Protein backbone atom coordinates (compact mmCIF):
# COMPACT_ATOMS: atom_id res chain seq x y z
CA MET A 1 30.16 -18.92 92.29
CA LYS A 2 27.91 -21.43 94.00
CA ILE A 3 25.70 -19.42 96.35
CA VAL A 4 23.06 -20.47 98.89
CA HIS A 5 20.59 -17.96 100.29
CA ILE A 6 18.65 -18.91 103.43
CA ILE A 7 15.58 -17.03 104.69
CA THR A 8 13.08 -18.09 107.36
CA ARG A 9 9.89 -17.72 105.32
CA LEU A 10 8.61 -16.31 102.03
CA ILE A 11 5.72 -14.21 103.29
CA LEU A 12 4.73 -10.90 101.69
CA GLY A 13 7.46 -8.68 103.06
CA GLY A 14 10.39 -6.45 102.20
CA ALA A 15 13.16 -8.85 103.24
CA GLN A 16 11.56 -11.58 101.17
CA GLU A 17 11.16 -9.41 98.06
CA ASN A 18 14.76 -8.27 98.46
CA THR A 19 16.02 -11.85 98.70
CA LEU A 20 14.06 -13.01 95.65
CA ILE A 21 15.40 -10.14 93.54
CA THR A 22 18.92 -10.95 94.74
CA CYS A 23 18.58 -14.63 93.80
CA LYS A 24 17.07 -13.77 90.42
CA GLU A 25 19.75 -11.22 89.52
CA LEU A 26 22.66 -13.36 90.72
CA ALA A 27 21.38 -16.33 88.72
CA ALA A 28 21.02 -14.11 85.65
CA ARG A 29 24.70 -13.20 86.04
CA GLY A 30 25.69 -16.86 85.78
CA HIS A 31 25.98 -17.83 89.44
CA ASP A 32 24.67 -21.19 90.67
CA VAL A 33 22.04 -20.06 93.18
CA THR A 34 19.92 -22.05 95.64
CA LEU A 35 17.30 -20.55 97.97
CA ILE A 36 16.47 -22.42 101.20
CA THR A 37 13.37 -21.28 103.07
CA GLY A 38 10.72 -22.43 105.49
CA PRO A 39 6.99 -22.65 104.81
CA ALA A 40 4.92 -19.44 104.63
CA ILE A 41 2.55 -20.08 107.54
CA GLY A 42 0.12 -17.42 108.77
CA PRO A 43 -2.09 -14.62 107.44
CA GLU A 44 0.72 -12.59 105.83
CA GLY A 45 0.51 -14.27 102.40
CA GLU A 46 3.33 -15.92 100.47
CA LEU A 47 5.69 -15.32 97.55
CA PHE A 48 6.38 -18.84 96.33
CA GLU A 49 4.72 -18.03 93.00
CA LEU A 50 7.64 -15.70 92.25
CA THR A 51 10.14 -18.57 92.59
CA LYS A 52 8.59 -20.53 89.74
CA ASN A 53 10.38 -20.75 86.36
CA GLN A 54 13.47 -19.05 87.76
CA LYS A 55 17.11 -19.92 87.09
CA TYR A 56 17.72 -20.61 90.78
CA LYS A 57 16.56 -23.60 92.82
CA THR A 58 14.19 -23.31 95.80
CA ILE A 59 14.19 -25.82 98.66
CA VAL A 60 11.62 -25.74 101.48
CA VAL A 61 12.68 -26.93 104.93
CA ASP A 62 9.38 -27.59 106.67
CA SER A 63 10.81 -27.32 110.20
CA LEU A 64 12.28 -23.84 109.59
CA ARG A 65 9.82 -21.66 111.52
CA ARG A 66 9.88 -18.11 112.87
CA GLN A 67 9.04 -18.90 116.50
CA ILE A 68 11.72 -20.25 118.85
CA ASN A 69 10.92 -23.93 119.41
CA PRO A 70 13.63 -26.59 119.82
CA LEU A 71 11.25 -29.23 118.43
CA TYR A 72 11.46 -27.38 115.10
CA ASP A 73 14.80 -25.58 115.41
CA ILE A 74 17.01 -28.64 115.92
CA PRO A 75 15.60 -30.54 112.91
CA ALA A 76 15.82 -27.34 110.83
CA TYR A 77 19.47 -26.88 111.76
CA ASN A 78 20.28 -30.49 110.90
CA GLN A 79 18.43 -30.28 107.59
CA ILE A 80 20.16 -27.03 106.62
CA LYS A 81 23.54 -28.49 107.51
CA LYS A 82 22.79 -31.58 105.42
CA LEU A 83 21.72 -29.49 102.43
CA LEU A 84 24.80 -27.30 102.64
CA ALA A 85 27.02 -30.39 102.79
CA GLU A 86 25.34 -31.69 99.63
CA ILE A 87 25.43 -28.39 97.73
CA LYS A 88 28.98 -27.44 98.77
CA PRO A 89 28.53 -23.67 98.24
CA ASP A 90 31.22 -21.01 98.05
CA ILE A 91 28.91 -18.50 99.73
CA VAL A 92 26.19 -18.92 102.36
CA HIS A 93 24.11 -15.74 102.56
CA THR A 94 21.52 -15.73 105.35
CA HIS A 95 18.55 -13.42 105.91
CA SER A 96 16.21 -12.83 108.90
CA ALA A 97 16.77 -13.78 112.52
CA LYS A 98 16.01 -17.51 112.72
CA ALA A 99 17.53 -18.45 109.35
CA GLY A 100 20.42 -16.12 110.13
CA ILE A 101 21.32 -17.96 113.33
CA LEU A 102 20.71 -21.53 112.15
CA GLY A 103 22.23 -20.93 108.73
CA ARG A 104 25.43 -19.41 110.07
CA LEU A 105 25.83 -22.13 112.70
CA ALA A 106 25.41 -24.80 110.03
CA ALA A 107 27.87 -23.05 107.70
CA ALA A 108 30.40 -22.79 110.54
CA GLN A 109 30.38 -26.58 110.87
CA LEU A 110 31.06 -26.98 107.15
CA LYS A 111 34.00 -24.60 107.39
CA ILE A 112 35.83 -27.31 109.33
CA GLN A 113 36.06 -29.28 106.08
CA ASN A 114 36.06 -26.28 103.72
CA SER A 115 37.93 -23.29 105.07
CA LYS A 116 37.23 -21.32 101.87
CA LEU A 117 33.48 -21.18 102.54
CA LYS A 118 32.35 -17.62 103.25
CA THR A 119 29.30 -16.61 105.27
CA ILE A 120 27.36 -13.37 104.81
CA HIS A 121 24.37 -12.19 106.81
CA GLY A 122 21.84 -9.79 105.31
CA VAL A 123 20.45 -7.34 107.87
CA HIS A 124 16.97 -6.25 106.78
CA GLY A 125 15.86 -5.43 110.31
CA LEU A 126 17.13 -6.23 113.78
CA SER A 127 15.88 -9.08 115.95
CA PHE A 128 16.35 -6.92 119.05
CA HIS A 129 14.60 -3.62 119.73
CA GLU A 130 13.61 -1.26 122.51
CA TYR A 131 10.02 -2.50 122.68
CA GLN A 132 11.03 -6.01 123.77
CA ASN A 133 11.10 -7.52 127.21
CA CYS A 134 14.53 -6.73 128.68
CA LEU A 135 15.57 -10.38 129.03
CA LEU A 136 14.42 -11.24 125.52
CA ASN A 137 16.31 -8.24 124.18
CA LYS A 138 19.52 -9.39 125.88
CA PHE A 139 18.99 -12.92 124.59
CA TYR A 140 18.68 -11.77 120.97
CA ILE A 141 21.73 -9.51 121.24
CA ALA A 142 23.77 -12.37 122.72
CA ALA A 143 22.61 -14.70 119.93
CA GLU A 144 23.55 -12.16 117.26
CA ARG A 145 26.98 -11.58 118.85
CA MET A 146 27.57 -15.33 118.86
CA ALA A 147 26.55 -15.64 115.20
CA ALA A 148 28.66 -12.61 114.26
CA LYS A 149 31.79 -14.54 115.25
CA ARG A 150 30.84 -16.98 112.49
CA THR A 151 30.15 -14.29 109.90
CA ASP A 152 32.59 -12.97 107.30
CA ALA A 153 30.53 -9.97 106.18
CA PHE A 154 27.25 -8.16 106.82
CA ILE A 155 25.14 -6.52 104.12
CA CYS A 156 22.61 -4.04 105.53
CA VAL A 157 19.62 -2.39 103.89
CA ALA A 158 20.42 0.90 105.65
CA ASP A 159 23.33 2.59 107.39
CA ALA A 160 21.18 2.68 110.51
CA MET A 161 21.34 -1.12 110.74
CA THR A 162 25.13 -0.98 110.79
CA GLN A 163 25.18 1.69 113.48
CA LYS A 164 22.71 -0.10 115.74
CA SER A 165 24.49 -3.44 115.36
CA LEU A 166 27.92 -2.02 116.14
CA ALA A 167 26.49 -0.11 119.12
CA VAL A 168 25.73 -3.41 120.88
CA GLY A 169 28.94 -5.17 119.87
CA ILE A 170 27.81 -7.17 116.85
CA GLY A 171 30.67 -7.53 114.38
CA LYS A 172 33.35 -5.02 113.37
CA PRO A 173 32.98 -1.86 111.25
CA GLU A 174 35.02 -3.25 108.36
CA GLN A 175 32.60 -6.16 108.01
CA TYR A 176 29.61 -3.97 107.12
CA THR A 177 28.38 -2.77 103.73
CA THR A 178 25.11 -1.02 102.89
CA ALA A 179 23.13 -2.20 99.86
CA TYR A 180 19.76 -0.50 99.66
CA SER A 181 16.94 -2.98 99.13
CA ALA A 182 16.24 -3.23 95.41
CA ILE A 183 12.90 -2.52 93.81
CA GLU A 184 11.95 -3.67 90.31
CA GLU A 185 11.39 -0.07 89.35
CA ASP A 186 9.65 -0.11 85.98
CA GLY A 187 6.26 -0.96 87.42
CA TYR A 188 6.48 2.01 89.79
CA LEU A 189 7.94 4.50 87.33
CA ASN A 190 5.54 3.74 84.48
CA PRO A 191 2.27 5.67 84.80
CA ILE A 192 -0.84 3.60 85.51
CA PRO A 193 -3.73 4.46 83.12
CA GLU A 194 -6.33 6.75 84.67
CA ASN A 195 -9.15 4.28 84.09
CA GLN A 196 -7.32 1.60 86.13
CA LYS A 197 -6.80 4.02 89.01
CA LYS A 198 -10.48 5.00 88.90
CA ASP A 199 -11.45 1.31 88.89
CA PHE A 200 -9.25 0.69 91.95
CA ARG A 201 -10.91 3.54 93.83
CA LYS A 202 -14.35 2.41 92.76
CA LYS A 203 -13.68 -1.15 93.93
CA TYR A 204 -13.00 0.11 97.47
CA ASN A 205 -15.65 2.84 97.43
CA VAL A 206 -13.17 5.71 97.37
CA PRO A 207 -14.55 8.90 95.76
CA ASP A 208 -12.69 10.33 92.77
CA ASN A 209 -12.12 13.62 94.61
CA ALA A 210 -10.81 11.99 97.81
CA VAL A 211 -7.29 12.59 99.09
CA VAL A 212 -6.14 9.06 99.88
CA LEU A 213 -3.68 8.36 102.68
CA VAL A 214 -2.46 4.81 102.12
CA SER A 215 -0.65 2.52 104.56
CA ILE A 216 0.97 -0.69 103.28
CA ALA A 217 1.95 -2.99 106.12
CA ARG A 218 0.98 -6.15 107.93
CA LEU A 219 -1.80 -5.54 110.45
CA PHE A 220 0.52 -6.53 113.25
CA HIS A 221 2.12 -5.29 116.46
CA LEU A 222 4.53 -2.36 116.15
CA LYS A 223 3.34 -1.50 112.63
CA GLY A 224 1.75 1.68 114.00
CA HIS A 225 -1.76 1.59 112.54
CA LYS A 226 -3.19 2.79 115.86
CA TYR A 227 -1.34 6.11 115.50
CA ILE A 228 -2.83 6.62 112.05
CA ILE A 229 -6.32 6.01 113.48
CA LYS A 230 -5.70 8.45 116.34
CA SER A 231 -4.47 11.13 113.94
CA ALA A 232 -7.52 10.56 111.72
CA LYS A 233 -9.89 11.59 114.53
CA ASN A 234 -8.70 15.16 114.18
CA LEU A 235 -8.10 15.16 110.44
CA ALA A 236 -11.49 13.72 109.46
CA GLU A 237 -13.24 16.75 110.97
CA ARG A 238 -11.01 19.19 109.11
CA PHE A 239 -10.89 17.45 105.73
CA GLU A 240 -14.14 15.94 104.51
CA ASN A 241 -12.42 14.46 101.45
CA ALA A 242 -9.68 12.54 103.34
CA VAL A 243 -9.88 8.74 103.15
CA TRP A 244 -7.49 6.22 104.73
CA VAL A 245 -6.72 2.88 103.04
CA PHE A 246 -5.00 0.02 104.87
CA ILE A 247 -3.33 -2.52 102.55
CA GLY A 248 -2.50 -5.85 104.17
CA ASP A 249 -3.82 -8.39 106.63
CA GLY A 250 -2.87 -9.76 110.02
CA ILE A 251 -3.93 -10.67 113.52
CA LEU A 252 -4.87 -7.09 114.49
CA LYS A 253 -7.48 -6.54 111.76
CA GLU A 254 -10.53 -6.89 114.01
CA ASP A 255 -8.94 -4.84 116.78
CA LEU A 256 -8.13 -2.02 114.36
CA GLN A 257 -11.64 -2.09 112.94
CA GLU A 258 -12.99 -1.78 116.49
CA GLN A 259 -10.74 1.22 117.15
CA ILE A 260 -12.01 2.85 113.97
CA ALA A 261 -15.64 2.15 114.84
CA HIS A 262 -15.14 3.51 118.38
CA ALA A 263 -13.79 6.72 116.84
CA ASP A 264 -16.83 6.85 114.54
CA LEU A 265 -14.58 6.73 111.48
CA THR A 266 -15.76 3.55 109.78
CA ASP A 267 -16.91 5.44 106.69
CA ARG A 268 -13.44 7.02 106.30
CA PHE A 269 -11.34 3.84 106.36
CA ARG A 270 -10.96 1.04 103.82
CA PHE A 271 -9.36 -2.39 104.32
CA THR A 272 -8.26 -4.16 101.13
CA GLY A 273 -6.79 -7.28 102.71
CA LEU A 274 -3.73 -8.87 101.15
CA LEU A 275 -2.90 -7.74 97.64
CA PRO A 276 -0.17 -9.22 95.40
CA THR A 277 3.07 -7.29 95.14
CA SER A 278 2.36 -6.76 91.44
CA GLN A 279 -0.52 -4.47 92.43
CA MET A 280 1.54 -2.15 94.62
CA PRO A 281 2.25 0.35 91.81
CA LEU A 282 -1.51 0.57 91.17
CA VAL A 283 -2.22 0.97 94.90
CA ILE A 284 0.29 3.77 95.37
CA GLN A 285 -0.45 5.62 92.13
CA SER A 286 -4.17 5.52 93.01
CA SER A 287 -3.35 7.20 96.32
CA ASP A 288 -2.01 10.64 97.23
CA ILE A 289 0.12 10.26 100.36
CA LEU A 290 1.93 7.28 101.85
CA VAL A 291 1.75 7.13 105.66
CA HIS A 292 4.08 4.64 107.37
CA CYS A 293 4.07 4.54 111.17
CA SER A 294 6.01 1.38 111.95
CA LEU A 295 8.01 1.55 115.17
CA ARG A 296 10.80 -0.72 113.93
CA GLU A 297 11.97 -1.42 110.41
CA GLY A 298 15.28 -1.71 108.63
CA LEU A 299 14.30 0.60 105.82
CA ALA A 300 10.72 0.09 104.73
CA ARG A 301 10.67 -0.63 100.98
CA VAL A 302 7.31 1.07 100.71
CA LEU A 303 9.00 4.44 101.29
CA PRO A 304 11.12 4.38 98.10
CA GLN A 305 8.28 2.59 96.29
CA ALA A 306 6.02 5.56 97.00
CA MET A 307 8.71 7.97 95.85
CA LEU A 308 9.23 6.06 92.59
CA CYS A 309 5.50 6.57 92.00
CA GLY A 310 5.94 10.28 92.60
CA LYS A 311 4.12 10.27 95.94
CA PRO A 312 5.28 11.95 99.18
CA ALA A 313 5.97 9.78 102.23
CA ILE A 314 5.20 10.52 105.87
CA SER A 315 7.08 8.24 108.23
CA PHE A 316 8.06 7.88 111.84
CA ASP A 317 11.75 8.68 112.19
CA ILE A 318 12.97 5.16 112.93
CA ASP A 319 15.94 3.13 111.76
CA GLY A 320 16.70 3.83 108.08
CA ALA A 321 13.70 6.04 107.27
CA SER A 322 15.77 9.24 107.40
CA GLU A 323 18.02 7.87 104.66
CA VAL A 324 15.22 8.44 102.13
CA VAL A 325 12.61 10.66 103.82
CA ASN A 326 13.70 14.27 104.31
CA PRO A 327 12.08 17.72 104.02
CA ASP A 328 12.44 17.54 100.23
CA THR A 329 10.75 14.13 99.82
CA GLY A 330 8.24 13.91 102.67
CA ARG A 331 7.93 14.37 106.39
CA LEU A 332 9.63 12.59 109.30
CA ILE A 333 7.77 12.45 112.61
CA GLU A 334 8.94 11.55 116.10
CA PRO A 335 7.76 7.96 116.76
CA GLY A 336 4.41 7.92 118.51
CA ASN A 337 3.80 11.65 118.11
CA VAL A 338 0.16 11.70 117.01
CA GLU A 339 -0.08 15.50 116.95
CA GLY A 340 2.99 15.75 114.75
CA LEU A 341 1.62 13.02 112.50
CA ALA A 342 -1.70 14.84 112.15
CA ASP A 343 0.05 18.13 111.37
CA ALA A 344 2.18 16.55 108.64
CA CYS A 345 -0.83 14.83 107.10
CA ALA A 346 -2.85 18.05 107.24
CA GLU A 347 -0.09 20.00 105.48
CA LEU A 348 -0.04 17.56 102.56
CA ILE A 349 -3.79 16.97 102.38
CA ALA A 350 -4.30 20.72 102.01
CA ASN A 351 -1.57 21.35 99.45
CA GLU A 352 -1.66 19.39 96.21
CA ASN A 353 1.24 21.36 94.70
CA LEU A 354 3.43 20.46 97.66
CA ARG A 355 2.49 16.79 97.26
CA ILE A 356 3.53 16.92 93.61
CA LYS A 357 6.80 18.71 94.37
CA LEU A 358 7.82 16.28 97.15
CA GLY A 359 6.85 13.31 94.98
CA GLU A 360 9.00 14.48 92.07
CA ASN A 361 11.94 15.14 94.39
CA GLY A 362 11.58 11.69 95.90
CA ARG A 363 11.52 9.97 92.53
CA ASN A 364 14.74 11.65 91.46
CA PHE A 365 16.37 10.89 94.83
CA VAL A 366 15.74 7.13 95.00
CA ARG A 367 15.65 6.10 91.33
CA GLU A 368 19.23 4.87 90.95
CA LYS A 369 19.88 4.10 94.62
CA PHE A 370 17.23 1.34 94.75
CA SER A 371 17.71 -0.29 91.35
CA PRO A 372 18.33 -4.08 91.28
CA LYS A 373 21.58 -3.51 89.39
CA THR A 374 22.92 -1.15 92.05
CA MET A 375 22.09 -3.56 94.87
CA VAL A 376 23.43 -6.70 93.22
CA ASP A 377 26.59 -4.92 92.03
CA THR A 378 27.27 -4.12 95.69
CA ILE A 379 26.47 -7.65 96.89
CA GLU A 380 28.59 -9.25 94.19
CA LYS A 381 31.48 -6.92 95.06
CA VAL A 382 31.30 -8.04 98.71
CA TYR A 383 31.36 -11.69 97.62
CA LYS A 384 34.41 -11.22 95.41
CA GLU A 385 36.35 -9.27 98.01
CA LEU A 386 36.08 -12.22 100.42
CA PHE A 387 38.14 -14.44 98.12
């Protein structure tokens, strides 16, 4: 098949990693694959290095940007439509909100000449959520409903994405399939040498005997770092060996550092800045507990990544988190519940045997479910069933 994937930007992020693995695996299976994306603008890093020397083609549309702006959006739509007309794909598979709307509208125009063209939208997270302005929320839902009429199938990273989409009238149940977001597992499953883990801790001034609570997320709105800081106020007094490590960068870095300083916790927090995805196994295996307090997420890849490393995960109970985090693999907390978050962290900080048990359970639970082969088998099956 000739397949075009379209994603808004290749920043460091779960949807982007998912899409790159999909393109790589589909190309390895003999499909003619092209990836269309916008530039990676901003402090979140980029993944273009991973597109080099691959069997698929990558095309950058400079006007494809995340923010709504007709001065960019109209040229991006026209450029995508032109590229699709030149490539003549069998499948157009879109990802993320902006690329999802523009890509599906462009593909719909091509269907006038080629009725066999099929359009799939990958749902990694939802463009609408309860924390938005009411009018903006209604706008995004209306846009997604409009695009859904031009969509043959949806592939979601979690069952929760299907349920939330259908609840607001986006698509039909028979259009939805869940394909858990693949992780290139070997790096997470293979043990990191002890000396490398000690070097990582030493680099960020983390004592060898510290219990490390790591958070891997953009330092951005709705990622929940403030709840981790609030919970640390109580925990730092009870556990002298607890250290928190924030992996990532973003516009809230200075604000978060001020919150930490105001709480007199500067000596208990570490900021690493952006780290390449290849270092995530080292980061997680050098830590003891993953803490993820995002308020909206499809299904955060860092949750199964932690489990593959044999580490327990503490997460707010949002979207698809409950599909991997349960009492046997970690702890789910009501979103925004700082007391509950602190209690869960305290339980695991104090009990190394429990951390080991939950980590082992998690590894066994997610190992096959999140393999690239499992995900791409599902995606390929959806493609074939459309013809």
